[in-house]
C-alpha atoms as a PDB file:
ATOM      1  CA  MET A   1     105.638-104.348 143.427  1.00  0.00           C
ATOM      2  CA  PRO A   2     103.811-101.121 144.304  1.00  0.00           C
ATOM      3  CA  ARG A   3     104.694 -97.672 143.043  1.00  0.00           C
ATOM      4  CA  ALA A   4     105.553 -94.910 145.535  1.00  0.00           C
ATOM      5  CA  SER A   5     102.157 -93.301 144.878  1.00  0.00           C
ATOM      6  CA  GLU A   6     100.394 -96.522 146.035  1.00  0.00           C
ATOM      7  CA  ILE A   7     102.209 -96.846 149.392  1.00  0.00           C
ATOM      8  CA  LYS A   8     100.069 -96.078 152.457  1.00  0.00           C
ATOM      9  CA  ARG A   9     100.916 -95.255 156.073  1.00  0.00           C
ATOM     10  CA  GLY A  10     101.587 -98.497 157.969  1.00  0.00           C
ATOM     11  CA  ASN A  11     102.898-100.401 154.929  1.00  0.00           C
ATOM     12  CA  VAL A  12     106.213-102.205 155.301  1.00  0.00           C
ATOM     13  CA  ILE A  13     108.836-101.785 152.586  1.00  0.00           C
ATOM     14  CA  GLU A  14     112.356-103.016 151.954  1.00  0.00           C
ATOM     15  CA  HIS A  15     114.994-100.472 150.920  1.00  0.00           C
ATOM     16  CA  ASP A  16     118.776-100.950 150.712  1.00  0.00           C
ATOM     17  CA  GLY A  17     118.467-104.384 152.352  1.00  0.00           C
ATOM     18  CA  THR A  18     116.639-103.061 155.432  1.00  0.00           C
ATOM     19  CA  VAL A  19     112.969-103.423 156.342  1.00  0.00           C
ATOM     20  CA  TYR A  20     111.097-100.221 157.237  1.00  0.00           C
ATOM     21  CA  ALA A  21     107.586 -99.375 158.416  1.00  0.00           C
ATOM     22  CA  VAL A  22     106.115 -96.264 156.782  1.00  0.00           C
ATOM     23  CA  ARG A  23     105.145 -93.859 159.599  1.00  0.00           C
ATOM     24  CA  GLN A  24     104.289 -90.726 157.634  1.00  0.00           C
ATOM     25  CA  ILE A  25     103.900 -89.675 153.999  1.00  0.00           C
ATOM     26  CA  ASP A  26     104.264 -86.101 152.761  1.00  0.00           C
ATOM     27  CA  ARG A  27     103.220 -85.367 149.183  1.00  0.00           C
ATOM     28  CA  SER A  28     104.527 -82.368 147.258  1.00  0.00           C
ATOM     29  CA  ALA A  29     103.780 -81.278 143.721  1.00  0.00           C
ATOM     30  CA  PRO A  30     106.451 -79.005 142.274  1.00  0.00           C
ATOM     31  CA  THR A  31     105.002 -76.065 140.365  1.00  0.00           C
ATOM     32  CA  ALA A  32     107.656 -76.101 137.646  1.00  0.00           C
ATOM     33  CA  ARG A  33     106.625 -77.415 134.266  1.00  0.00           C
ATOM     34  CA  GLY A  34     107.129 -81.118 133.898  1.00  0.00           C
ATOM     35  CA  GLY A  35     107.700 -81.553 137.604  1.00  0.00           C
ATOM     36  CA  GLY A  36     106.297 -84.816 138.912  1.00  0.00           C
ATOM     37  CA  THR A  37     104.754 -85.367 142.316  1.00  0.00           C
ATOM     38  CA  LEU A  38     107.276 -86.246 145.022  1.00  0.00           C
ATOM     39  CA  PHE A  39     106.560 -88.481 148.005  1.00  0.00           C
ATOM     40  CA  ARG A  40     108.630 -88.107 151.182  1.00  0.00           C
ATOM     41  CA  PHE A  41     108.364 -91.144 153.449  1.00  0.00           C
ATOM     42  CA  LYS A  42     109.311 -91.087 157.127  1.00  0.00           C
ATOM     43  CA  LEU A  43     110.493 -94.618 157.831  1.00  0.00           C
ATOM     44  CA  HIS A  44     111.053 -96.576 161.038  1.00  0.00           C
ATOM     45  CA  GLY A  45     113.557 -99.475 160.809  1.00  0.00           C
ATOM     46  CA  ILE A  46     112.500-103.020 161.746  1.00  0.00           C
ATOM     47  CA  PRO A  47     114.199-104.157 163.941  1.00  0.00           C
ATOM     48  CA  GLY A  48     116.153-101.488 165.747  1.00  0.00           C
ATOM     49  CA  GLY A  49     113.928 -98.481 165.211  1.00  0.00           C
ATOM     50  CA  GLU A  50     116.360 -96.579 162.965  1.00  0.00           C
ATOM     51  CA  ARG A  51     114.601 -93.490 161.600  1.00  0.00           C
ATOM     52  CA  ARG A  52     115.119 -92.470 158.004  1.00  0.00           C
ATOM     53  CA  GLU A  53     113.545 -90.328 155.312  1.00  0.00           C
ATOM     54  CA  LEU A  54     113.162 -91.400 151.701  1.00  0.00           C
ATOM     55  CA  THR A  55     112.006 -89.217 148.798  1.00  0.00           C
ATOM     56  CA  CYS A  56     110.642 -90.865 145.648  1.00  0.00           C
ATOM     57  CA  LYS A  57     108.830 -89.871 142.485  1.00  0.00           C
ATOM     58  CA  GLY A  58     105.290 -91.186 142.112  1.00  0.00           C
ATOM     59  CA  ASP A  59     106.340 -93.747 139.468  1.00  0.00           C
ATOM     60  CA  ASP A  60     109.306 -95.174 141.417  1.00  0.00           C
ATOM     61  CA  VAL A  61     108.814 -98.837 142.285  1.00  0.00           C
ATOM     62  CA  LEU A  62     109.307 -99.921 145.902  1.00  0.00           C
ATOM     63  CA  ARG A  63     109.579-103.451 147.246  1.00  0.00           C
ATOM     64  CA  GLU A  64     107.086-104.534 149.902  1.00  0.00           C
ATOM     65  CA  ALA A  65     108.569-106.646 152.674  1.00  0.00           C
ATOM     66  CA  ASP A  66     107.122-109.985 153.723  1.00  0.00           C
ATOM     67  CA  LEU A  67     106.148-109.166 157.294  1.00  0.00           C
ATOM     68  CA  VAL A  68     103.439-110.721 159.460  1.00  0.00           C
ATOM     69  CA  ARG A  69     101.735-108.757 162.259  1.00  0.00           C
ATOM     70  CA  ARG A  70     100.335-110.883 165.112  1.00  0.00           C
ATOM     71  CA  GLN A  71      98.124-109.298 167.773  1.00  0.00           C
ATOM     72  CA  SER A  72      99.512-110.208 171.173  1.00  0.00           C
ATOM     73  CA  SER A  73      99.529-109.360 174.870  1.00  0.00           C
ATOM     74  CA  PHE A  74     102.530-108.857 177.139  1.00  0.00           C
ATOM     75  CA  SER A  75     103.095-111.909 179.383  1.00  0.00           C
ATOM     76  CA  TYR A  76     106.359-111.447 181.239  1.00  0.00           C
ATOM     77  CA  ARG A  77     109.958-110.316 181.038  1.00  0.00           C
ATOM     78  CA  ASP A  78     112.965-112.555 181.624  1.00  0.00           C
ATOM     79  CA  ALA A  79     116.735-112.414 181.120  1.00  0.00           C
ATOM     80  CA  ASP A  80     116.385-113.072 177.367  1.00  0.00           C
ATOM     81  CA  GLY A  81     113.846-110.327 176.690  1.00  0.00           C
ATOM     82  CA  PHE A  82     110.095-109.737 176.581  1.00  0.00           C
ATOM     83  CA  VAL A  83     107.600-112.565 176.093  1.00  0.00           C
ATOM     84  CA  PHE A  84     104.311-111.835 174.306  1.00  0.00           C
ATOM     85  CA  MET A  85     101.427-114.283 173.954  1.00  0.00           C
ATOM     86  CA  ASP A  86      99.642-114.440 170.606  1.00  0.00           C
ATOM     87  CA  ASP A  87      95.949-113.577 171.097  1.00  0.00           C
ATOM     88  CA  GLU A  88      94.826-116.071 168.417  1.00  0.00           C
ATOM     89  CA  ASP A  89      96.825-119.279 168.791  1.00  0.00           C
ATOM     90  CA  PHE A  90      98.440-118.588 172.223  1.00  0.00           C
ATOM     91  CA  ARG A  91     102.002-119.132 170.953  1.00  0.00           C
ATOM     92  CA  GLN A  92     104.677-117.225 172.792  1.00  0.00           C
ATOM     93  CA  HIS A  93     106.937-114.776 170.979  1.00  0.00           C
ATOM     94  CA  LEU A  94     110.248-113.811 172.597  1.00  0.00           C
ATOM     95  CA  VAL A  95     111.442-110.354 171.527  1.00  0.00           C
ATOM     96  CA  SER A  96     114.906-109.296 172.658  1.00  0.00           C
ATOM     97  CA  GLU A  97     115.340-106.175 174.776  1.00  0.00           C
ATOM     98  CA  ALA A  98     117.321-104.519 171.971  1.00  0.00           C
ATOM     99  CA  ASP A  99     114.485-105.127 169.481  1.00  0.00           C
ATOM    100  CA  VAL A 100     111.877-103.722 171.896  1.00  0.00           C
ATOM    101  CA  GLY A 101     114.050-100.624 172.439  1.00  0.00           C
ATOM    102  CA  GLU A 102     112.393 -97.500 173.867  1.00  0.00           C
ATOM    103  CA  ALA A 103     108.972 -99.161 173.762  1.00  0.00           C
ATOM    104  CA  ALA A 104     109.919-100.979 176.999  1.00  0.00           C
ATOM    105  CA  GLY A 105     108.963 -97.856 178.948  1.00  0.00           C
ATOM    106  CA  TYR A 106     105.327 -98.257 177.924  1.00  0.00           C
ATOM    107  CA  ILE A 107     104.890-101.994 178.589  1.00  0.00           C
ATOM    108  CA  THR A 108     103.020-103.054 181.734  1.00  0.00           C
ATOM    109  CA  ASP A 109     101.720-106.428 182.935  1.00  0.00           C
ATOM    110  CA  GLY A 110      98.910-107.746 180.749  1.00  0.00           C
ATOM    111  CA  LEU A 111      99.107-104.893 178.216  1.00  0.00           C
ATOM    112  CA  GLY A 112      97.087-105.878 175.146  1.00  0.00           C
ATOM    113  CA  GLY A 113      96.754-104.440 171.661  1.00  0.00           C
ATOM    114  CA  ILE A 114     100.433-105.024 170.886  1.00  0.00           C
ATOM    115  CA  PHE A 115     101.423-106.333 167.475  1.00  0.00           C
ATOM    116  CA  VAL A 116     104.482-108.599 167.269  1.00  0.00           C
ATOM    117  CA  LEU A 117     106.169-108.220 163.869  1.00  0.00           C
ATOM    118  CA  LEU A 118     107.487-111.453 162.361  1.00  0.00           C
ATOM    119  CA  ILE A 119     109.839-111.904 159.415  1.00  0.00           C
ATOM    120  CA  ASP A 120     110.219-115.556 158.344  1.00  0.00           C
ATOM    121  CA  ASP A 121     108.379-116.562 161.553  1.00  0.00           C
ATOM    122  CA  VAL A 122     111.040-114.852 163.715  1.00  0.00           C
ATOM    123  CA  PRO A 123     109.889-111.986 166.017  1.00  0.00           C
ATOM    124  CA  VAL A 124     111.863-108.858 165.120  1.00  0.00           C
ATOM    125  CA  ALA A 125     109.932-105.935 166.667  1.00  0.00           C
ATOM    126  CA  ILE A 126     106.705-104.802 168.271  1.00  0.00           C
ATOM    127  CA  ASP A 127     104.086-102.179 167.490  1.00  0.00           C
ATOM    128  CA  LEU A 128     102.514-100.584 170.560  1.00  0.00           C
ATOM    129  CA  PRO A 129      98.945 -99.297 170.748  1.00  0.00           C
ATOM    130  CA  GLN A 130      98.529 -95.560 170.051  1.00  0.00           C
ATOM    131  CA  SER A 131      98.237 -94.842 173.784  1.00  0.00           C
ATOM    132  CA  VAL A 132      98.689 -96.627 177.124  1.00  0.00           C
ATOM    133  CA  VAL A 133      97.492 -95.965 180.657  1.00  0.00           C
ATOM    134  CA  LEU A 134     100.256 -95.658 183.258  1.00  0.00           C
ATOM    135  CA  GLU A 135     100.287 -94.695 186.933  1.00  0.00           C
ATOM    136  CA  VAL A 136     102.193 -91.636 188.177  1.00  0.00           C
ATOM    137  CA  THR A 137     104.595 -92.733 190.931  1.00  0.00           C
ATOM    138  CA  ASP A 138     106.381 -89.459 191.623  1.00  0.00           C
ATOM    139  CA  THR A 139     105.862 -85.799 190.813  1.00  0.00           C
ATOM    140  CA  ALA A 140     106.066 -82.426 192.530  1.00  0.00           C
ATOM    141  CA  PRO A 141     103.117 -81.519 194.778  1.00  0.00           C
ATOM    142  CA  VAL A 142     100.164 -79.553 193.410  1.00  0.00           C
ATOM    143  CA  MET A 143     100.808 -75.830 193.600  1.00  0.00           C
ATOM    144  CA  LYS A 144      98.056 -73.456 194.649  1.00  0.00           C
ATOM    145  CA  GLY A 145      96.586 -71.782 191.576  1.00  0.00           C
ATOM    146  CA  ALA A 146      97.915 -74.500 189.242  1.00  0.00           C
ATOM    147  CA  THR A 147      94.567 -74.768 187.489  1.00  0.00           C
ATOM    148  CA  ALA A 148      94.588 -71.053 186.693  1.00  0.00           C
ATOM    149  CA  THR A 149      97.823 -71.225 184.728  1.00  0.00           C
ATOM    150  CA  LYS A 150      98.774 -73.749 182.105  1.00  0.00           C
ATOM    151  CA  SER A 151     102.177 -75.105 183.097  1.00  0.00           C
ATOM    152  CA  ASN A 152     103.753 -78.547 183.175  1.00  0.00           C
ATOM    153  CA  LYS A 153     105.995 -80.458 185.544  1.00  0.00           C
ATOM    154  CA  PRO A 154     107.972 -83.700 185.177  1.00  0.00           C
ATOM    155  CA  ALA A 155     106.390 -86.923 186.460  1.00  0.00           C
ATOM    156  CA  THR A 156     107.914 -90.396 186.839  1.00  0.00           C
ATOM    157  CA  LEU A 157     105.605 -93.227 185.770  1.00  0.00           C
ATOM    158  CA  GLU A 158     105.351 -96.822 187.040  1.00  0.00           C
ATOM    159  CA  THR A 159     107.663 -98.126 184.296  1.00  0.00           C
ATOM    160  CA  GLY A 160     110.380 -95.570 185.084  1.00  0.00           C
ATOM    161  CA  ILE A 161     109.874 -93.223 182.141  1.00  0.00           C
ATOM    162  CA  GLU A 162     109.433 -89.505 182.720  1.00  0.00           C
ATOM    163  CA  VAL A 163     106.814 -87.344 180.987  1.00  0.00           C
ATOM    164  CA  MET A 164     105.669 -83.763 181.355  1.00  0.00           C
ATOM    165  CA  VAL A 165     102.217 -83.506 182.970  1.00  0.00           C
ATOM    166  CA  PRO A 166      99.949 -80.598 183.951  1.00  0.00           C
ATOM    167  CA  ASP A 167     100.445 -79.160 187.456  1.00  0.00           C
ATOM    168  CA  TYR A 168      97.203 -80.668 188.807  1.00  0.00           C
ATOM    169  CA  ILE A 169      98.388 -84.317 188.379  1.00  0.00           C
ATOM    170  CA  THR A 170      99.341 -86.036 191.656  1.00  0.00           C
ATOM    171  CA  PRO A 171     101.137 -89.322 192.502  1.00  0.00           C
ATOM    172  CA  GLY A 172      98.826 -92.352 192.305  1.00  0.00           C
ATOM    173  CA  GLU A 173      96.759 -90.999 189.395  1.00  0.00           C
ATOM    174  CA  LYS A 174      96.525 -92.930 186.153  1.00  0.00           C
ATOM    175  CA  ILE A 175      97.217 -91.009 182.958  1.00  0.00           C
ATOM    176  CA  LYS A 176      97.009 -91.763 179.248  1.00  0.00           C
ATOM    177  CA  VAL A 177     100.336 -91.367 177.381  1.00  0.00           C
ATOM    178  CA  ASN A 178     100.867 -91.245 173.607  1.00  0.00           C
ATOM    179  CA  THR A 179     103.354 -94.039 172.745  1.00  0.00           C
ATOM    180  CA  GLU A 180     104.626 -92.346 169.568  1.00  0.00           C
ATOM    181  CA  THR A 181     105.445 -88.944 171.061  1.00  0.00           C
ATOM    182  CA  GLY A 182     105.766 -89.795 174.763  1.00  0.00           C
ATOM    183  CA  GLU A 183     103.411 -86.952 175.669  1.00  0.00           C
ATOM    184  CA  PHE A 184     100.647 -86.720 178.276  1.00  0.00           C
ATOM    185  CA  MET A 185      97.193 -87.023 176.684  1.00  0.00           C
ATOM    186  CA  SER A 186      94.675 -87.029 179.556  1.00  0.00           C
ATOM    187  CA  ARG A 187      93.706 -88.520 182.873  1.00  0.00           C
ATOM    188  CA  ALA A 188      92.577 -92.111 182.577  1.00  0.00           C
END
């Protein structure tokens, strides 16, 4: 079992009977005498996406979870949930709508680079790529002088989610969106 100081971003740990993916690690070294280094982990629950913070000393022992990540592509959606096809052995993984959660707003036909997370060979969650390309379906018209000022406007994307985009973006354009923050990155 690894110590808190050995845990890296992306590792999967088990704490209080729940499995978490480590999203961010902040390290702080107290200046007081005898103070040990503290590690603050930002955790993301698997499944369900519950967010939690955990602070540990460098010598605290954490339990790594037995989780398998399979690279997959989105196939289709049915009444039971989302179906992903494994890129290696072409098995299909059915992930319920509840387990996909907010990530559903970033999934389009044929989207690749998705990792299906399996615990005991049962799909429990997905990991999206860092960014996806989506088409703008509706937004306010371009205003004259919009390139001179830096302002944003809301835009509805092909999957139904809404993001803030620069004024010069028009309906029909494809944009790159960060899947972790939900923010506009660039034109695609």
